[in-house]
Protein backbone atom coordinates (compact mmCIF):
# COMPACT_ATOMS: atom_id res chain seq x y z
CA MET A 1 -5.00 17.70 -7.48
CA LYS A 2 -6.27 14.70 -5.58
CA PRO A 3 -7.87 14.04 -2.17
CA GLY A 4 -5.37 14.50 0.63
CA ASP A 5 -3.41 17.24 -1.18
CA ARG A 6 -2.79 20.59 0.49
CA VAL A 7 -4.49 23.35 -1.49
CA ARG A 8 -4.79 27.11 -1.48
CA ILE A 9 -8.33 28.50 -1.22
CA SER A 10 -8.62 32.02 -2.64
CA ASN A 11 -11.02 34.58 -1.22
CA CYS A 12 -13.56 35.76 -3.80
CA LYS A 13 -13.67 39.28 -2.30
CA ASP A 14 -9.97 40.18 -2.10
CA ASP A 15 -6.48 38.78 -2.69
CA SER A 16 -6.28 36.81 0.53
CA TYR A 17 -6.19 33.02 0.77
CA TYR A 18 -5.75 30.17 3.25
CA HIS A 19 -4.56 26.60 3.12
CA ALA A 20 -6.71 23.51 3.52
CA THR A 21 -6.69 19.78 2.88
CA LEU A 22 -8.62 18.60 -0.16
CA ILE A 23 -11.30 15.98 0.55
CA SER A 24 -12.82 15.61 -2.93
CA ILE A 25 -12.79 17.43 -6.24
CA THR A 26 -15.00 17.45 -9.34
CA GLU A 27 -14.90 19.48 -12.53
CA GLU A 28 -17.04 22.16 -10.88
CA SER A 29 -16.39 22.09 -7.13
CA ALA A 30 -13.98 21.12 -4.38
CA THR A 31 -14.64 19.96 -0.83
CA TYR A 32 -11.95 20.70 1.72
CA LYS A 33 -11.18 20.70 5.43
CA HIS A 34 -10.06 24.03 6.83
CA ASP A 35 -7.04 23.85 9.15
CA THR A 36 -8.61 25.62 12.11
CA VAL A 37 -12.38 25.46 11.55
CA GLY A 38 -14.15 22.15 12.09
CA GLY A 39 -16.19 20.54 9.33
CA ALA A 40 -15.97 20.25 5.58
CA PHE A 41 -16.62 23.08 3.12
CA THR A 42 -17.40 23.12 -0.60
CA CYS A 43 -16.57 25.90 -3.03
CA SER A 44 -16.22 26.48 -6.74
CA ARG A 45 -13.12 24.84 -8.17
CA LYS A 46 -12.00 28.18 -9.61
CA TYR A 47 -11.03 29.28 -6.08
CA VAL A 48 -8.84 26.21 -5.46
CA SER A 49 -5.24 25.83 -6.59
CA PRO A 50 -2.42 23.49 -5.58
CA ALA A 51 -0.41 24.76 -2.63
CA SER A 52 3.32 25.00 -3.11
CA PHE A 53 5.61 24.94 -0.13
CA CYS A 54 9.14 26.19 0.39
CA SER A 55 11.63 23.31 0.36
CA SER A 56 13.67 24.98 3.10
CA CYS A 57 11.07 25.48 5.82
CA GLU A 58 7.84 24.01 4.33
CA CYS A 59 6.00 27.33 4.52
CA ASP A 60 4.11 28.99 1.69
CA PRO A 61 6.74 30.64 -0.55
CA CYS A 62 4.44 33.63 -1.03
CA ASP A 63 4.66 34.30 2.71
CA CYS A 64 8.32 33.42 3.17
CA ASP A 65 11.45 35.43 2.55
CA TRP A 66 13.66 32.94 4.38
CA GLY A 67 16.87 32.44 2.47
CA GLN A 68 16.26 35.36 0.10
């Protein structure tokens, strides 16, 4: 992962997540910009993973059943 990448931020309380744009990343933390909330946020890197998008409609494949 590198700055500018789209990432998935996992919720520490349940199985939900949201997408954001990575600003910076270290071995321990990640700073990101949330899509709808202004400002930058930092969290533990363990809650950040690369986002993968459906090649057909560019949505999150976990949320998409298009073409299935």
